[in-house]
Amino acid sequence: MGGANQAHTKALRAAGLPHITLHGLRRSFGTLSEWVECPVGVVAQIQGHKPSAIAEKHYRRRPLDLLRKWLTKIEGWMLDEAGIPQPEPGAGRLRVAK
């Protein structure tokens, strides 16, 4: 079992969650993102896939702010569906530690 898989399994156990593979999580993310009508190319880019179509390879340029917009929308929908309160804007932001 590789490092990422070990860390994933450890996190699932610590949270008391049933086993799901990293691939299963990626597949679920791709499927659930359709509920907010996120463009397929955006989902692929968020997941780190290489562009496959000519238009994606040569004509689509997505800045991080655009990807963040969609990822925030997907996250918000998932939290709503799970009945989890939305985080306050700016909560949980990274900061430099000394």
N, C-alpha and C. Protein backbone atom coordinates (compact mmCIF):
# COMPACT_ATOMS: atom_id res chain seq x y z
N MET A 1 0.86 -1.18 0.00
CA MET A 1 0.00 0.00 0.00
C MET A 1 0.90 1.23 0.00
N GLY A 2 0.66 2.17 -0.91
CA GLY A 2 1.47 3.37 -1.02
C GLY A 2 1.16 4.39 0.06
N GLY A 3 1.97 5.44 0.12
CA GLY A 3 1.81 6.48 1.13
C GLY A 3 0.46 7.17 1.11
N ALA A 4 -0.01 7.53 -0.08
CA ALA A 4 -1.30 8.22 -0.19
C ALA A 4 -2.42 7.30 0.27
N ASN A 5 -2.35 6.03 -0.12
CA ASN A 5 -3.39 5.09 0.28
C ASN A 5 -3.37 4.84 1.78
N GLN A 6 -2.18 4.76 2.36
CA GLN A 6 -2.08 4.55 3.81
C GLN A 6 -2.68 5.74 4.57
N ALA A 7 -2.34 6.94 4.14
CA ALA A 7 -2.86 8.14 4.79
C ALA A 7 -4.38 8.21 4.63
N HIS A 8 -4.86 7.84 3.46
CA HIS A 8 -6.31 7.85 3.18
C HIS A 8 -7.03 6.86 4.09
N THR A 9 -6.50 5.65 4.18
CA THR A 9 -7.11 4.62 5.03
C THR A 9 -7.08 5.04 6.49
N LYS A 10 -5.99 5.63 6.93
CA LYS A 10 -5.87 6.10 8.31
C LYS A 10 -6.90 7.19 8.60
N ALA A 11 -7.08 8.12 7.66
CA ALA A 11 -8.05 9.20 7.83
C ALA A 11 -9.48 8.66 7.90
N LEU A 12 -9.79 7.67 7.05
CA LEU A 12 -11.13 7.06 7.08
C LEU A 12 -11.39 6.41 8.42
N ARG A 13 -10.41 5.67 8.91
CA ARG A 13 -10.57 5.00 10.22
C ARG A 13 -10.76 6.02 11.34
N ALA A 14 -9.93 7.07 11.33
CA ALA A 14 -10.01 8.09 12.38
C ALA A 14 -11.37 8.78 12.38
N ALA A 15 -11.95 8.94 11.21
CA ALA A 15 -13.25 9.61 11.10
C ALA A 15 -14.42 8.64 11.27
N GLY A 16 -14.11 7.34 11.35
CA GLY A 16 -15.17 6.35 11.49
C GLY A 16 -16.00 6.18 10.23
N LEU A 17 -15.38 6.40 9.08
CA LEU A 17 -16.08 6.30 7.79
C LEU A 17 -15.83 4.95 7.14
N PRO A 18 -16.77 4.48 6.33
CA PRO A 18 -16.56 3.21 5.63
C PRO A 18 -15.48 3.36 4.56
N HIS A 19 -14.89 2.23 4.17
CA HIS A 19 -13.83 2.27 3.17
C HIS A 19 -14.36 2.72 1.81
N ILE A 20 -13.63 3.61 1.20
CA ILE A 20 -13.85 4.00 -0.20
C ILE A 20 -12.46 4.31 -0.76
N THR A 21 -12.21 3.87 -1.97
CA THR A 21 -10.90 4.08 -2.57
C THR A 21 -10.73 5.54 -3.00
N LEU A 22 -9.48 5.94 -3.19
CA LEU A 22 -9.23 7.28 -3.73
C LEU A 22 -9.87 7.41 -5.11
N HIS A 23 -9.79 6.34 -5.90
CA HIS A 23 -10.42 6.37 -7.22
C HIS A 23 -11.94 6.53 -7.09
N GLY A 24 -12.51 5.87 -6.11
CA GLY A 24 -13.95 6.00 -5.87
C GLY A 24 -14.34 7.42 -5.51
N LEU A 25 -13.50 8.08 -4.71
CA LEU A 25 -13.76 9.48 -4.37
C LEU A 25 -13.69 10.37 -5.60
N ARG A 26 -12.69 10.13 -6.44
CA ARG A 26 -12.55 10.92 -7.67
C ARG A 26 -13.77 10.72 -8.58
N ARG A 27 -14.20 9.46 -8.69
CA ARG A 27 -15.36 9.15 -9.54
C ARG A 27 -16.62 9.83 -8.99
N SER A 28 -16.79 9.77 -7.66
CA SER A 28 -17.95 10.42 -7.04
C SER A 28 -17.92 11.93 -7.24
N PHE A 29 -16.74 12.54 -7.09
CA PHE A 29 -16.61 13.98 -7.30
C PHE A 29 -17.04 14.34 -8.72
N GLY A 30 -16.55 13.58 -9.70
CA GLY A 30 -16.91 13.85 -11.09
C GLY A 30 -18.41 13.73 -11.34
N THR A 31 -19.01 12.71 -10.74
CA THR A 31 -20.45 12.49 -10.92
C THR A 31 -21.26 13.57 -10.21
N LEU A 32 -20.92 13.87 -8.96
CA LEU A 32 -21.69 14.84 -8.19
C LEU A 32 -21.55 16.27 -8.73
N SER A 33 -20.44 16.55 -9.39
CA SER A 33 -20.26 17.90 -9.93
C SER A 33 -21.28 18.22 -11.03
N GLU A 34 -21.87 17.20 -11.61
CA GLU A 34 -22.90 17.44 -12.63
C GLU A 34 -24.14 18.09 -12.04
N TRP A 35 -24.39 17.90 -10.74
CA TRP A 35 -25.58 18.46 -10.10
C TRP A 35 -25.54 19.99 -10.07
N VAL A 36 -24.35 20.58 -10.13
CA VAL A 36 -24.26 22.05 -10.17
C VAL A 36 -23.95 22.52 -11.58
N GLU A 37 -24.05 21.61 -12.54
CA GLU A 37 -23.85 21.90 -13.96
C GLU A 37 -22.46 22.46 -14.24
N CYS A 38 -21.48 21.93 -13.52
CA CYS A 38 -20.09 22.33 -13.73
C CYS A 38 -19.60 21.78 -15.06
N PRO A 39 -18.94 22.59 -15.87
CA PRO A 39 -18.42 22.10 -17.15
C PRO A 39 -17.45 20.92 -16.96
N VAL A 40 -17.57 19.93 -17.81
CA VAL A 40 -16.75 18.72 -17.72
C VAL A 40 -15.26 19.05 -17.75
N GLY A 41 -14.86 20.00 -18.58
CA GLY A 41 -13.47 20.38 -18.67
C GLY A 41 -12.93 20.97 -17.37
N VAL A 42 -13.79 21.69 -16.66
CA VAL A 42 -13.40 22.26 -15.37
C VAL A 42 -13.17 21.14 -14.36
N VAL A 43 -14.09 20.16 -14.33
CA VAL A 43 -13.96 19.03 -13.42
C VAL A 43 -12.67 18.27 -13.72
N ALA A 44 -12.41 18.02 -14.98
CA ALA A 44 -11.19 17.31 -15.37
C ALA A 44 -9.95 18.07 -14.93
N GLN A 45 -9.96 19.38 -15.10
CA GLN A 45 -8.80 20.18 -14.71
C GLN A 45 -8.62 20.18 -13.20
N ILE A 46 -9.70 20.29 -12.44
CA ILE A 46 -9.62 20.24 -10.99
C ILE A 46 -9.03 18.90 -10.55
N GLN A 47 -9.40 17.83 -11.25
CA GLN A 47 -8.91 16.50 -10.90
C GLN A 47 -7.50 16.23 -11.42
N GLY A 48 -6.96 17.16 -12.16
CA GLY A 48 -5.58 17.02 -12.63
C GLY A 48 -5.42 16.23 -13.91
N HIS A 49 -6.51 16.02 -14.65
CA HIS A 49 -6.42 15.31 -15.92
C HIS A 49 -5.84 16.21 -17.00
N LYS A 50 -5.12 15.61 -17.93
CA LYS A 50 -4.63 16.36 -19.09
C LYS A 50 -5.82 16.65 -20.00
N PRO A 51 -5.79 17.77 -20.72
CA PRO A 51 -6.86 18.05 -21.67
C PRO A 51 -6.91 16.97 -22.75
N SER A 52 -8.12 16.54 -23.11
CA SER A 52 -8.22 15.48 -24.11
C SER A 52 -8.73 15.99 -25.46
N ALA A 53 -9.58 16.98 -25.47
CA ALA A 53 -10.14 17.47 -26.73
C ALA A 53 -9.29 18.62 -27.27
N ILE A 54 -9.37 18.83 -28.57
CA ILE A 54 -8.63 19.91 -29.23
C ILE A 54 -8.94 21.26 -28.57
N ALA A 55 -10.23 21.53 -28.34
CA ALA A 55 -10.62 22.81 -27.74
C ALA A 55 -10.01 22.96 -26.35
N GLU A 56 -10.00 21.89 -25.57
CA GLU A 56 -9.42 21.96 -24.22
C GLU A 56 -7.91 22.17 -24.28
N LYS A 57 -7.26 21.55 -25.24
CA LYS A 57 -5.80 21.66 -25.35
C LYS A 57 -5.36 23.04 -25.82
N HIS A 58 -6.11 23.63 -26.76
CA HIS A 58 -5.60 24.82 -27.43
C HIS A 58 -6.39 26.10 -27.20
N TYR A 59 -7.64 26.00 -26.76
CA TYR A 59 -8.46 27.20 -26.70
C TYR A 59 -8.97 27.55 -25.31
N ARG A 60 -8.95 26.63 -24.38
CA ARG A 60 -9.48 26.90 -23.04
C ARG A 60 -8.35 27.22 -22.08
N ARG A 61 -8.41 28.39 -21.50
CA ARG A 61 -7.47 28.78 -20.46
C ARG A 61 -8.30 29.18 -19.25
N ARG A 62 -8.12 28.47 -18.16
CA ARG A 62 -8.91 28.74 -16.97
C ARG A 62 -8.00 29.22 -15.85
N PRO A 63 -8.18 30.44 -15.40
CA PRO A 63 -7.39 30.91 -14.26
C PRO A 63 -7.87 30.23 -12.97
N LEU A 64 -7.02 30.24 -11.97
CA LEU A 64 -7.37 29.61 -10.69
C LEU A 64 -8.66 30.18 -10.10
N ASP A 65 -8.90 31.47 -10.28
CA ASP A 65 -10.13 32.07 -9.73
C ASP A 65 -11.37 31.44 -10.33
N LEU A 66 -11.32 31.07 -11.61
CA LEU A 66 -12.47 30.41 -12.23
C LEU A 66 -12.65 29.00 -11.68
N LEU A 67 -11.54 28.28 -11.53
CA LEU A 67 -11.62 26.93 -10.95
C LEU A 67 -12.13 27.01 -9.52
N ARG A 68 -11.67 28.01 -8.75
CA ARG A 68 -12.12 28.20 -7.37
C ARG A 68 -13.63 28.45 -7.32
N LYS A 69 -14.13 29.25 -8.27
CA LYS A 69 -15.56 29.55 -8.32
C LYS A 69 -16.36 28.26 -8.41
N TRP A 70 -15.96 27.38 -9.33
CA TRP A 70 -16.69 26.13 -9.51
C TRP A 70 -16.49 25.18 -8.34
N LEU A 71 -15.29 25.09 -7.82
CA LEU A 71 -15.03 24.20 -6.69
C LEU A 71 -15.83 24.64 -5.46
N THR A 72 -15.93 25.94 -5.25
CA THR A 72 -16.73 26.46 -4.14
C THR A 72 -18.20 26.12 -4.33
N LYS A 73 -18.68 26.21 -5.57
CA LYS A 73 -20.08 25.88 -5.86
C LYS A 73 -20.34 24.40 -5.62
N ILE A 74 -19.42 23.54 -6.06
CA ILE A 74 -19.56 22.09 -5.85
C ILE A 74 -19.54 21.78 -4.36
N GLU A 75 -18.58 22.35 -3.64
CA GLU A 75 -18.46 22.12 -2.20
C GLU A 75 -19.73 22.57 -1.48
N GLY A 76 -20.24 23.74 -1.83
CA GLY A 76 -21.45 24.26 -1.21
C GLY A 76 -22.63 23.33 -1.41
N TRP A 77 -22.78 22.82 -2.62
CA TRP A 77 -23.89 21.90 -2.91
C TRP A 77 -23.75 20.63 -2.08
N MET A 78 -22.53 20.08 -2.02
CA MET A 78 -22.31 18.84 -1.25
C MET A 78 -22.60 19.05 0.24
N LEU A 79 -22.14 20.18 0.78
CA LEU A 79 -22.41 20.47 2.19
C LEU A 79 -23.91 20.62 2.45
N ASP A 80 -24.61 21.31 1.55
CA ASP A 80 -26.07 21.46 1.69
C ASP A 80 -26.76 20.10 1.68
N GLU A 81 -26.37 19.24 0.73
CA GLU A 81 -26.97 17.92 0.63
C GLU A 81 -26.71 17.07 1.87
N ALA A 82 -25.55 17.28 2.50
CA ALA A 82 -25.19 16.52 3.69
C ALA A 82 -25.74 17.16 4.96
N GLY A 83 -26.37 18.34 4.85
CA GLY A 83 -26.91 19.02 6.01
C GLY A 83 -25.83 19.62 6.90
N ILE A 84 -24.69 19.97 6.30
CA ILE A 84 -23.57 20.55 7.03
C ILE A 84 -23.58 22.06 6.80
N PRO A 85 -23.49 22.86 7.87
CA PRO A 85 -23.50 24.32 7.70
C PRO A 85 -22.32 24.79 6.84
N GLN A 86 -22.59 25.81 6.05
CA GLN A 86 -21.55 26.40 5.21
C GLN A 86 -20.54 27.14 6.08
N PRO A 87 -19.24 27.05 5.75
CA PRO A 87 -18.25 27.81 6.51
C PRO A 87 -18.43 29.31 6.26
N GLU A 88 -18.06 30.11 7.24
CA GLU A 88 -18.11 31.56 7.08
C GLU A 88 -17.07 31.98 6.05
N PRO A 89 -17.36 33.01 5.25
CA PRO A 89 -16.35 33.49 4.30
C PRO A 89 -15.06 33.86 5.02
N GLY A 90 -13.95 33.38 4.50
CA GLY A 90 -12.65 33.67 5.10
C GLY A 90 -12.25 32.72 6.21
N ALA A 91 -13.19 31.88 6.67
CA ALA A 91 -12.87 30.94 7.74
C ALA A 91 -11.95 29.86 7.20
N GLY A 92 -11.00 29.48 7.98
CA GLY A 92 -10.11 28.39 7.58
C GLY A 92 -9.06 28.77 6.56
N ARG A 93 -8.86 30.06 6.36
CA ARG A 93 -7.83 30.47 5.39
C ARG A 93 -6.44 30.16 5.94
N LEU A 94 -5.55 29.87 5.04
CA LEU A 94 -4.17 29.60 5.44
C LEU A 94 -3.49 30.90 5.82
N ARG A 95 -2.59 30.79 6.78
CA ARG A 95 -1.81 31.96 7.17
C ARG A 95 -0.39 31.52 7.44
N VAL A 96 0.52 32.45 7.36
CA VAL A 96 1.93 32.14 7.58
C VAL A 96 2.16 32.00 9.07
N ALA A 97 2.82 30.92 9.45
CA ALA A 97 3.17 30.69 10.85
C ALA A 97 4.66 30.91 11.03
N LYS A 98 5.04 31.46 12.15
CA LYS A 98 6.46 31.71 12.41
C LYS A 98 7.08 30.51 13.06
